[in-house]
Amino acid sequence: MALKYPSWQDSIIETVRNNFNNMTLDIGAISKSIPKAETKRAMPFVQTLKKSLESGIEATTVFERKLAFDEQQVLTDMVPNLKQTVQKCAVVEVIVVNEGGKTGKVVGGTEGVTVGEERTELPPSAETAVPGQPTFFFENVKA
């Protein structure tokens, strides 16, 4: 899980906010405002914001990007159920990833997991974790 959104999204949010008027979004103006090098990853993000705004979610909620729940607590509370659901699951760790998703810190898990332990070389799926959209990784471990 991630506690913060990627920093590259901050400038995109500001651009979208500046081009949001009367419940409409000027995609053309936004695309012209985004540097060419950022377009490939920025425009799908802009489309996601647009869908959220058009679906009736308050603009302040979309632009502030704050969760209405404690994601870390929810994931930690889910550990026993996850362990029970996934057959032969020996260890579950809840890790807060740092920006970039390559490293992180254990914040919860099954009995025996060391909370506070740093993790390096996280799997590529960790790079896509953002608040409200955790990623999952399963691997076989030797007992």
Protein backbone atom coordinates (compact mmCIF):
# COMPACT_ATOMS: atom_id res chain seq x y z
CA MET A 1 0.00 0.00 0.00
CA ALA A 2 1.07 3.60 -0.45
CA LEU A 3 0.45 6.52 1.88
CA LYS A 4 1.01 9.17 -0.79
CA TYR A 5 0.31 9.53 -4.46
CA PRO A 6 3.30 9.79 -6.83
CA SER A 7 4.72 13.30 -6.84
CA TRP A 8 4.47 13.59 -10.65
CA GLN A 9 0.68 13.62 -10.27
CA ASP A 10 0.69 16.84 -8.22
CA SER A 11 1.36 19.10 -11.21
CA ILE A 12 -1.21 17.21 -13.28
CA ILE A 13 -3.84 17.66 -10.55
CA GLU A 14 -3.12 21.39 -10.54
CA THR A 15 -3.44 21.57 -14.34
CA VAL A 16 -6.76 19.70 -14.23
CA ARG A 17 -8.02 21.91 -11.38
CA ASN A 18 -7.17 25.03 -13.42
CA ASN A 19 -9.09 23.67 -16.44
CA PHE A 20 -12.21 22.55 -14.58
CA ASN A 21 -15.08 25.01 -15.02
CA ASN A 22 -18.82 24.59 -14.47
CA MET A 23 -18.59 20.81 -14.11
CA THR A 24 -16.72 20.42 -17.43
CA LEU A 25 -13.12 19.64 -18.18
CA ASP A 26 -11.23 21.09 -21.17
CA ILE A 27 -9.13 18.06 -22.19
CA GLY A 28 -7.60 19.95 -25.13
CA ALA A 29 -6.28 22.70 -22.89
CA ILE A 30 -5.01 20.16 -20.40
CA SER A 31 -3.12 18.15 -23.03
CA LYS A 32 -1.47 21.35 -24.31
CA SER A 33 -0.43 22.23 -20.74
CA ILE A 34 1.32 18.91 -20.10
CA PRO A 35 4.93 18.54 -21.22
CA LYS A 36 5.27 16.09 -24.15
CA ALA A 37 7.52 13.79 -22.07
CA GLU A 38 4.74 13.41 -19.46
CA THR A 39 1.83 12.86 -21.87
CA LYS A 40 2.00 9.06 -22.00
CA ARG A 41 1.47 8.57 -18.28
CA ALA A 42 -0.40 11.81 -17.59
CA MET A 43 -3.33 11.49 -19.99
CA PRO A 44 -4.65 8.16 -18.60
CA PHE A 45 -4.47 9.79 -15.17
CA VAL A 46 -6.37 12.83 -16.49
CA GLN A 47 -9.05 10.52 -17.94
CA THR A 48 -9.43 8.84 -14.54
CA LEU A 49 -9.90 12.24 -12.90
CA LYS A 50 -12.40 13.22 -15.58
CA LYS A 51 -14.45 10.05 -15.00
CA SER A 52 -14.48 10.71 -11.26
CA LEU A 53 -15.65 14.29 -11.77
CA GLU A 54 -18.33 13.26 -14.30
CA SER A 55 -19.61 10.50 -12.03
CA GLY A 56 -20.68 13.07 -9.46
CA ILE A 57 -17.81 12.86 -7.02
CA GLU A 58 -17.26 16.30 -5.51
CA ALA A 59 -14.43 18.23 -7.16
CA THR A 60 -12.84 18.95 -3.78
CA THR A 61 -12.71 15.21 -3.06
CA VAL A 62 -11.16 14.43 -6.45
CA PHE A 63 -8.58 17.20 -6.23
CA GLU A 64 -7.64 16.71 -2.57
CA ARG A 65 -7.37 12.92 -3.00
CA LYS A 66 -7.92 12.02 0.62
CA LEU A 67 -9.28 8.62 1.59
CA ALA A 68 -12.40 8.42 3.73
CA PHE A 69 -10.90 5.50 5.67
CA ASP A 70 -7.62 4.37 7.23
CA GLU A 71 -6.29 2.06 4.53
CA GLN A 72 -3.45 0.73 6.67
CA GLN A 73 -5.88 -0.29 9.41
CA VAL A 74 -8.27 -1.91 6.93
CA LEU A 75 -5.49 -3.97 5.33
CA THR A 76 -4.08 -4.97 8.72
CA ASP A 77 -7.56 -6.02 9.86
CA MET A 78 -7.93 -8.13 6.70
CA VAL A 79 -4.81 -10.23 7.38
CA PRO A 80 -6.53 -13.08 9.30
CA ASN A 81 -9.23 -13.42 6.63
CA LEU A 82 -6.69 -13.31 3.83
CA LYS A 83 -4.59 -15.97 5.50
CA GLN A 84 -7.67 -18.16 5.89
CA THR A 85 -8.90 -17.56 2.31
CA VAL A 86 -5.62 -18.27 0.54
CA GLN A 87 -4.94 -21.95 1.15
CA LYS A 88 -1.61 -22.77 2.74
CA CYS A 89 -0.76 -19.10 3.14
CA ALA A 90 2.08 -19.06 5.67
CA VAL A 91 2.96 -15.37 5.90
CA VAL A 92 1.13 -12.14 5.10
CA GLU A 93 2.88 -8.78 5.25
CA VAL A 94 1.33 -5.35 4.88
CA ILE A 95 4.04 -3.05 3.52
CA VAL A 96 3.89 0.71 3.03
CA VAL A 97 5.88 1.38 -0.12
CA ASN A 98 8.09 4.42 -0.54
CA GLU A 99 7.81 6.63 -3.62
CA GLY A 100 8.79 4.58 -6.64
CA GLY A 101 7.72 1.29 -5.07
CA LYS A 102 11.18 -0.27 -4.83
CA THR A 103 11.42 -0.17 -1.03
CA GLY A 104 9.06 -0.05 1.93
CA LYS A 105 8.40 -0.81 5.56
CA VAL A 106 6.35 -3.60 7.15
CA VAL A 107 3.39 -2.14 9.07
CA GLY A 108 1.41 -5.28 9.81
CA GLY A 109 0.91 -8.93 9.06
CA THR A 110 0.68 -12.39 10.49
CA GLU A 111 2.22 -13.50 13.75
CA GLY A 112 6.00 -13.52 13.49
CA VAL A 113 6.21 -10.62 11.02
CA THR A 114 8.52 -7.89 12.29
CA VAL A 115 6.66 -4.58 12.15
CA GLY A 116 9.02 -1.75 11.27
CA GLU A 117 11.36 -3.96 9.25
CA GLU A 118 12.54 -2.37 6.01
CA ARG A 119 12.00 -4.18 2.72
CA THR A 120 14.15 -3.64 -0.35
CA GLU A 121 13.74 -4.94 -3.86
CA LEU A 122 9.96 -5.16 -3.72
CA PRO A 123 8.25 -6.80 -6.72
CA PRO A 124 7.34 -4.58 -9.70
CA SER A 125 3.66 -4.67 -8.71
CA ALA A 126 4.53 -2.50 -5.68
CA GLU A 127 5.28 0.40 -8.02
CA THR A 128 1.60 0.71 -8.95
CA ALA A 129 0.26 0.99 -5.39
CA VAL A 130 -1.48 4.28 -4.66
CA PRO A 131 -3.74 5.26 -1.77
CA GLY A 132 -7.01 3.34 -2.03
CA GLN A 133 -5.58 0.91 -4.59
CA PRO A 134 -3.14 -1.45 -2.90
CA THR A 135 -1.36 -4.12 -4.91
CA PHE A 136 -0.85 -7.74 -3.98
CA PHE A 137 2.02 -10.11 -4.59
CA PHE A 138 2.05 -13.84 -3.88
CA GLU A 139 5.13 -16.04 -3.91
CA ASN A 140 6.10 -19.51 -2.82
CA VAL A 141 8.41 -19.54 0.18
CA LYS A 142 10.27 -22.43 1.70
CA ALA A 143 9.09 -23.41 5.16
